[in-house]
Amino acid sequence: MDGVLVGKRVIGAQSPVTVGWENIPKVEGGPVKRLFFSWFQPVALFGFLAFWYYAPNSIAKASVALNVAIGFRLLLMALEILFPRHESWRLTWKELATDLFYVGLGYTFLKIFDHYIGSDALIDTLMHQLHVEKFNWFMGLPLLVQAIMISVIFDFGQYWMHRGMHNWYPLWLPHSVHHYITQLNIAKGAVGNPVELFLIGLGVGGLFDFLPRAFLLAGVFEVTIAIYTHINVRFDSPRWWRFLFNTTEHHSLHHSRDWEATRSNYANTYIFIDRIFGTCVDGEAELLGMEGGRRMSLREQMTYPFTQGWGAIRQRLGGPTPAPAE
């Protein structure tokens, strides 16, 4: 397998990948279906932005936003069932049970944990101790500008955290669990070792004061852009969308079995950050995972970073490395 030269790197030498938008298959079907899957994403984005921008205060609150987000996810799950991108990515009951476990973990234990020792809480404590004020002047910016800044600042931090996870072994250990997934679907973004899920959520938002509605609008970018990175649906996104935003195509390359391809497309929402720093590769992959597509058990997902980390320490000290948990 020769691979494709992208810049100074050879992509696809270890596992089949498709490089270049011109080589990616298009949505097949009649004009209505093609129109739907070409404009579904932009319409959803601008529709949600308009809704939360003009919604009355009685509606514009976090509890309503959570219900709307869940409803939108259910709609996307229905699209996955009706119009799968790859048959090999179809949900099985075993995959669904694992996904629901991690979604529940994210909405309960991890949410509570992050509230007390997450980045915002730590920054608030530090600024209080140092008697430093937040950057309050952001409150005077237009509402939509605040929302975009919240989203971009957070994703910029995620980009460097994610990139660090691929380049520093102690961070790679918890992140590697997420790379053992063998398919993409709407809930797979929640699958990973809890340590990694906590780390990837760290940001610098606690340094700023924003209007509450700005946070609701910022959430729209997560719900209507980042959500598509793990989805088993093919979209014919407009060229400007693929240039600015991360897509299933980009993220499938990042999860491919080709090592060089995984070292690209680190941003969660805005792929233009990868373009700026030279880590973007346009393309897609169907074969995902590590070790030839070996699926990790739930137990191993929970313990893998610790057993492998301890094994690496023992190996350095001259002892045997323990085998992965079954």
Protein backbone atom coordinates (compact mmCIF):
# COMPACT_ATOMS: atom_id res chain seq x y z
CA MET A 1 0.00 0.00 0.00
CA ASP A 2 1.73 3.18 -1.23
CA GLY A 3 -0.45 5.89 0.30
CA VAL A 4 -0.87 9.48 -0.88
CA LEU A 5 1.69 12.26 -0.42
CA VAL A 6 0.08 15.20 1.42
CA GLY A 7 2.65 17.92 1.96
CA LYS A 8 5.61 16.06 3.45
CA ARG A 9 3.53 13.19 4.84
CA VAL A 10 2.33 9.93 3.29
CA ILE A 11 -1.32 9.31 4.20
CA GLY A 12 -2.89 5.87 3.83
CA ALA A 13 0.21 3.67 3.74
CA GLN A 14 -1.11 1.44 6.55
CA SER A 15 -4.86 1.39 5.88
CA PRO A 16 -7.11 2.46 2.97
CA VAL A 17 -8.16 6.12 3.08
CA THR A 18 -9.54 8.57 0.55
CA VAL A 19 -7.69 11.88 0.20
CA GLY A 20 -9.17 14.92 -1.52
CA TRP A 21 -12.78 16.14 -1.68
CA GLU A 22 -12.96 15.38 -5.40
CA ASN A 23 -12.52 11.67 -4.59
CA ILE A 24 -15.24 11.44 -1.93
CA PRO A 25 -18.54 9.85 -3.09
CA LYS A 26 -21.60 12.09 -3.38
CA VAL A 27 -25.11 11.51 -2.04
CA GLU A 28 -27.01 9.26 -4.43
CA GLY A 29 -30.71 9.68 -5.20
CA GLY A 30 -33.19 12.12 -6.66
CA PRO A 31 -32.95 15.94 -6.63
CA VAL A 32 -34.98 16.30 -3.41
CA LYS A 33 -32.69 13.93 -1.49
CA ARG A 34 -29.54 15.61 -2.84
CA LEU A 35 -30.92 19.05 -1.98
CA PHE A 36 -31.83 17.91 1.54
CA PHE A 37 -28.39 16.50 2.32
CA SER A 38 -26.63 19.48 0.73
CA TRP A 39 -28.36 22.16 2.80
CA PHE A 40 -29.54 20.36 5.95
CA GLN A 41 -26.48 21.44 7.96
CA PRO A 42 -26.43 25.17 7.04
CA VAL A 43 -30.20 25.46 7.48
CA ALA A 44 -30.04 23.80 10.92
CA LEU A 45 -27.17 26.10 11.98
CA PHE A 46 -28.78 29.38 10.96
CA GLY A 47 -32.22 28.20 12.07
CA PHE A 48 -31.02 27.42 15.59
CA LEU A 49 -29.05 30.69 15.77
CA ALA A 50 -32.14 32.67 14.81
CA PHE A 51 -34.29 30.73 17.29
CA TRP A 52 -32.04 31.34 20.30
CA TYR A 53 -31.29 34.92 19.27
CA TYR A 54 -34.96 35.95 19.17
CA ALA A 55 -36.46 33.50 21.70
CA PRO A 56 -38.20 35.17 24.67
CA ASN A 57 -36.48 34.96 28.06
CA SER A 58 -39.05 32.45 29.26
CA ILE A 59 -37.69 29.98 26.68
CA ALA A 60 -34.03 30.98 26.46
CA LYS A 61 -32.75 28.91 29.36
CA ALA A 62 -30.46 25.91 29.80
CA SER A 63 -33.20 23.38 30.55
CA VAL A 64 -34.99 24.15 27.29
CA ALA A 65 -31.69 24.09 25.38
CA LEU A 66 -30.95 20.61 26.77
CA ASN A 67 -34.31 19.28 25.59
CA VAL A 68 -33.88 20.85 22.16
CA ALA A 69 -30.39 19.34 21.85
CA ILE A 70 -31.70 15.88 22.80
CA GLY A 71 -34.53 16.19 20.26
CA PHE A 72 -32.08 17.17 17.53
CA ARG A 73 -29.85 14.20 18.38
CA LEU A 74 -32.83 11.87 18.08
CA LEU A 75 -33.55 13.32 14.64
CA LEU A 76 -29.95 12.68 13.59
CA MET A 77 -30.15 9.12 14.94
CA ALA A 78 -33.21 8.59 12.73
CA LEU A 79 -31.22 9.83 9.72
CA GLU A 80 -28.47 7.35 10.59
CA ILE A 81 -30.99 4.51 10.57
CA LEU A 82 -32.64 5.59 7.31
CA PHE A 83 -29.60 6.86 5.39
CA PRO A 84 -26.41 5.24 6.73
CA ARG A 85 -23.13 6.48 5.33
CA HIS A 86 -21.52 3.06 5.75
CA GLU A 87 -23.34 -0.19 6.49
CA SER A 88 -20.33 -1.26 8.53
CA TRP A 89 -21.03 1.63 10.91
CA ARG A 90 -24.61 0.61 11.68
CA LEU A 91 -25.39 0.45 15.39
CA THR A 92 -25.56 -2.94 17.07
CA TRP A 93 -27.23 -3.47 20.44
CA LYS A 94 -23.81 -3.89 22.03
CA GLU A 95 -22.55 -0.62 20.56
CA LEU A 96 -25.76 1.17 21.57
CA ALA A 97 -25.53 -0.05 25.16
CA THR A 98 -21.92 1.16 25.41
CA ASP A 99 -22.81 4.54 23.90
CA LEU A 100 -25.74 5.06 26.28
CA PHE A 101 -23.50 4.22 29.24
CA TYR A 102 -21.05 6.97 28.26
CA VAL A 103 -23.78 9.50 27.45
CA GLY A 104 -25.25 8.88 30.90
CA LEU A 105 -21.79 9.21 32.45
CA GLY A 106 -21.31 12.55 30.73
CA TYR A 107 -24.62 13.97 31.95
CA THR A 108 -24.14 12.79 35.56
CA PHE A 109 -20.77 12.01 37.15
CA LEU A 110 -18.55 13.94 34.72
CA LYS A 111 -20.86 16.97 34.76
CA ILE A 112 -20.79 17.12 38.56
CA PHE A 113 -17.02 16.50 38.65
CA ASP A 114 -16.39 19.26 36.09
CA HIS A 115 -18.59 21.70 38.02
CA TYR A 116 -16.37 21.51 41.09
CA ILE A 117 -12.85 21.05 39.67
CA GLY A 118 -13.26 21.88 35.98
CA SER A 119 -11.32 24.66 34.28
CA ASP A 120 -13.94 27.34 34.96
CA ALA A 121 -14.04 26.49 38.67
CA LEU A 122 -10.23 26.46 38.93
CA ILE A 123 -9.90 29.76 37.06
CA ASP A 124 -12.58 31.38 39.25
CA THR A 125 -10.75 30.24 42.39
CA LEU A 126 -7.37 31.45 41.10
CA MET A 127 -8.71 34.84 40.04
CA HIS A 128 -10.44 35.25 43.41
CA GLN A 129 -7.21 34.46 45.26
CA LEU A 130 -5.24 36.90 43.09
CA HIS A 131 -8.02 39.52 43.25
CA VAL A 132 -8.06 39.72 39.46
CA GLU A 133 -11.18 40.78 37.57
CA LYS A 134 -12.52 38.89 34.59
CA PHE A 135 -12.41 40.46 31.15
CA ASN A 136 -15.74 42.17 31.71
CA TRP A 137 -15.50 44.35 28.61
CA PHE A 138 -16.57 41.33 26.55
CA MET A 139 -20.07 41.93 27.93
CA GLY A 140 -20.29 45.05 25.77
CA LEU A 141 -19.72 43.18 22.50
CA PRO A 142 -22.66 42.24 20.25
CA LEU A 143 -24.40 39.07 21.38
CA LEU A 144 -23.49 37.00 18.34
CA VAL A 145 -19.85 38.13 18.54
CA GLN A 146 -19.74 36.93 22.15
CA ALA A 147 -21.17 33.56 21.10
CA ILE A 148 -18.66 33.11 18.29
CA MET A 149 -15.79 34.08 20.60
CA ILE A 150 -16.89 31.58 23.27
CA SER A 151 -17.03 28.81 20.67
CA VAL A 152 -13.76 29.65 18.89
CA ILE A 153 -11.78 30.23 22.11
CA PHE A 154 -12.95 26.90 23.52
CA ASP A 155 -12.20 25.02 20.28
CA PHE A 156 -8.77 26.64 20.03
CA GLY A 157 -7.97 25.23 23.47
CA GLN A 158 -9.40 21.84 22.49
CA TYR A 159 -7.22 21.82 19.38
CA TRP A 160 -4.01 22.14 21.40
CA MET A 161 -5.16 19.75 24.11
CA HIS A 162 -6.11 17.18 21.44
CA ARG A 163 -2.86 17.69 19.56
CA GLY A 164 -0.94 17.31 22.81
CA MET A 165 -2.73 14.02 23.45
CA HIS A 166 -1.28 12.67 20.23
CA ASN A 167 2.23 13.88 20.93
CA TRP A 168 2.82 13.26 24.65
CA TYR A 169 2.53 9.68 25.88
CA PRO A 170 0.98 10.41 29.33
CA LEU A 171 -1.85 12.28 27.58
CA TRP A 172 -2.08 9.72 24.79
CA LEU A 173 -2.85 6.90 27.22
CA PRO A 174 -6.33 8.16 28.24
CA HIS A 175 -7.05 9.52 24.74
CA SER A 176 -6.09 6.28 22.99
CA VAL A 177 -9.25 4.60 24.33
CA HIS A 178 -11.35 6.85 22.09
CA HIS A 179 -9.30 5.73 19.08
CA TYR A 180 -10.31 2.12 19.59
CA ILE A 181 -13.86 2.84 18.40
CA THR A 182 -14.50 1.05 15.12
CA GLN A 183 -17.44 3.07 13.82
CA LEU A 184 -18.79 6.60 13.94
CA ASN A 185 -22.31 7.45 15.03
CA ILE A 186 -24.03 10.31 16.79
CA ALA A 187 -23.13 9.18 20.32
CA LYS A 188 -19.51 8.13 19.75
CA GLY A 189 -18.14 11.51 20.78
CA ALA A 190 -19.07 10.59 24.36
CA VAL A 191 -17.07 7.33 24.33
CA GLY A 192 -13.71 7.43 26.02
CA ASN A 193 -11.87 7.03 29.28
CA PRO A 194 -13.25 9.48 31.90
CA VAL A 195 -9.80 11.04 32.36
CA GLU A 196 -9.67 11.96 28.67
CA LEU A 197 -13.26 13.21 28.66
CA PHE A 198 -12.41 15.53 31.54
CA LEU A 199 -9.19 16.80 29.96
CA ILE A 200 -10.71 17.47 26.54
CA GLY A 201 -13.36 19.61 28.21
CA LEU A 202 -10.87 22.02 29.79
CA GLY A 203 -10.91 25.56 28.49
CA VAL A 204 -10.29 29.21 29.36
CA GLY A 205 -13.90 30.38 29.34
CA GLY A 206 -13.69 31.15 33.05
CA LEU A 207 -11.48 34.14 32.25
CA PHE A 208 -14.36 35.93 30.55
CA ASP A 209 -17.81 37.22 31.43
CA PHE A 210 -20.46 36.67 28.78
CA LEU A 211 -24.20 37.22 28.67
CA PRO A 212 -26.16 34.03 29.49
CA ARG A 213 -27.85 34.07 26.09
CA ALA A 214 -24.41 34.19 24.47
CA PHE A 215 -23.69 30.77 26.01
CA LEU A 216 -26.92 29.42 24.53
CA LEU A 217 -25.91 30.73 21.11
CA ALA A 218 -22.40 29.30 21.53
CA GLY A 219 -23.99 25.94 22.24
CA VAL A 220 -25.61 26.09 18.81
CA PHE A 221 -22.19 25.69 17.17
CA GLU A 222 -21.61 22.53 19.21
CA VAL A 223 -25.07 21.11 18.46
CA THR A 224 -25.14 21.95 14.76
CA ILE A 225 -21.47 21.65 13.70
CA ALA A 226 -19.34 19.58 16.06
CA ILE A 227 -22.10 17.00 16.42
CA TYR A 228 -21.62 15.89 12.80
CA THR A 229 -18.03 14.73 13.35
CA HIS A 230 -19.42 11.47 14.76
CA ILE A 231 -22.36 10.65 12.51
CA ASN A 232 -23.11 7.79 10.15
CA VAL A 233 -24.75 9.97 7.48
CA ARG A 234 -23.33 11.29 4.21
CA PHE A 235 -23.80 15.01 3.53
CA ASP A 236 -22.87 16.96 0.41
CA SER A 237 -21.86 19.99 2.42
CA PRO A 238 -21.24 23.32 0.61
CA ARG A 239 -17.61 24.11 -0.12
CA TRP A 240 -17.49 26.93 2.44
CA TRP A 241 -18.82 24.58 5.13
CA ARG A 242 -16.09 22.00 4.48
CA PHE A 243 -13.46 24.76 4.49
CA LEU A 244 -14.52 26.27 7.84
CA PHE A 245 -15.97 23.39 9.84
CA ASN A 246 -14.96 19.92 10.88
CA THR A 247 -16.94 17.15 9.16
CA THR A 248 -17.51 13.43 9.37
CA GLU A 249 -15.02 13.06 6.53
CA HIS A 250 -12.29 14.92 8.41
CA HIS A 251 -12.90 13.07 11.65
CA SER A 252 -13.10 9.63 10.04
CA LEU A 253 -9.56 10.22 8.74
CA HIS A 254 -8.51 11.13 12.27
CA HIS A 255 -9.94 7.79 13.47
CA SER A 256 -8.61 5.68 10.61
CA ARG A 257 -6.26 2.75 11.10
CA ASP A 258 -3.54 4.69 9.30
CA TRP A 259 -1.23 6.19 11.92
CA GLU A 260 -0.20 9.22 9.85
CA ALA A 261 -3.83 10.10 9.08
CA THR A 262 -4.68 10.12 12.79
CA ARG A 263 -2.17 12.93 13.30
CA SER A 264 -4.45 15.39 11.52
CA ASN A 265 -7.79 17.17 11.97
CA TYR A 266 -7.50 17.85 15.70
CA ALA A 267 -10.07 20.64 16.01
CA ASN A 268 -13.47 19.68 17.35
CA THR A 269 -15.58 22.28 15.52
CA TYR A 270 -13.49 24.62 13.34
CA ILE A 271 -11.28 22.82 10.85
CA PHE A 272 -9.83 26.16 9.76
CA ILE A 273 -7.72 25.99 12.95
CA ASP A 274 -6.09 22.85 11.52
CA ARG A 275 -5.65 24.63 8.19
CA ILE A 276 -3.85 27.50 9.93
CA PHE A 277 -1.41 25.15 11.69
CA GLY A 278 -0.93 22.76 8.74
CA THR A 279 -2.62 19.71 10.29
CA CYS A 280 -5.71 19.54 8.07
CA VAL A 281 -6.19 16.66 5.61
CA ASP A 282 -9.36 16.62 3.50
CA GLY A 283 -10.65 13.10 2.89
CA GLU A 284 -12.38 10.19 4.59
CA ALA A 285 -11.91 6.63 5.84
CA GLU A 286 -14.26 3.74 6.55
CA LEU A 287 -11.93 1.36 8.40
CA LEU A 288 -11.47 2.80 11.88
CA GLY A 289 -9.80 1.82 15.12
CA MET A 290 -6.48 0.43 16.26
CA GLU A 291 -4.82 -2.99 16.30
CA GLY A 292 -6.69 -3.98 13.15
CA GLY A 293 -10.04 -2.80 14.49
CA ARG A 294 -9.97 -4.58 17.86
CA ARG A 295 -12.96 -3.55 19.97
CA MET A 296 -12.26 -2.73 23.61
CA SER A 297 -14.50 -4.04 26.36
CA LEU A 298 -16.01 -1.52 28.76
CA ARG A 299 -13.76 -2.74 31.53
CA GLU A 300 -10.65 -2.24 29.42
CA GLN A 301 -11.79 1.24 28.39
CA MET A 302 -11.94 2.18 32.06
CA THR A 303 -8.61 0.66 33.09
CA TYR A 304 -6.44 0.83 29.94
CA PRO A 305 -4.58 4.12 30.68
CA PHE A 306 -3.66 2.95 34.18
CA THR A 307 -2.60 -0.61 33.29
CA GLN A 308 -0.58 0.59 30.29
CA GLY A 309 0.92 3.48 32.22
CA TRP A 310 1.97 1.15 35.04
CA GLY A 311 3.30 -1.29 32.46
CA ALA A 312 5.41 1.44 30.86
CA ILE A 313 6.86 2.36 34.25
CA ARG A 314 7.64 -1.29 35.04
CA GLN A 315 9.24 -1.75 31.64
CA ARG A 316 11.45 1.28 32.20
CA LEU A 317 12.44 -0.16 35.55
CA GLY A 318 13.19 -3.51 33.95
CA GLY A 319 10.05 -5.45 34.88
CA PRO A 320 7.48 -7.23 32.61
CA THR A 321 4.65 -5.30 30.93
CA PRO A 322 1.15 -6.50 31.90
CA ALA A 323 -1.18 -7.72 29.13
CA PRO A 324 -4.26 -5.60 28.33
CA ALA A 325 -7.42 -6.49 30.25
CA GLU A 326 -9.92 -8.62 28.42
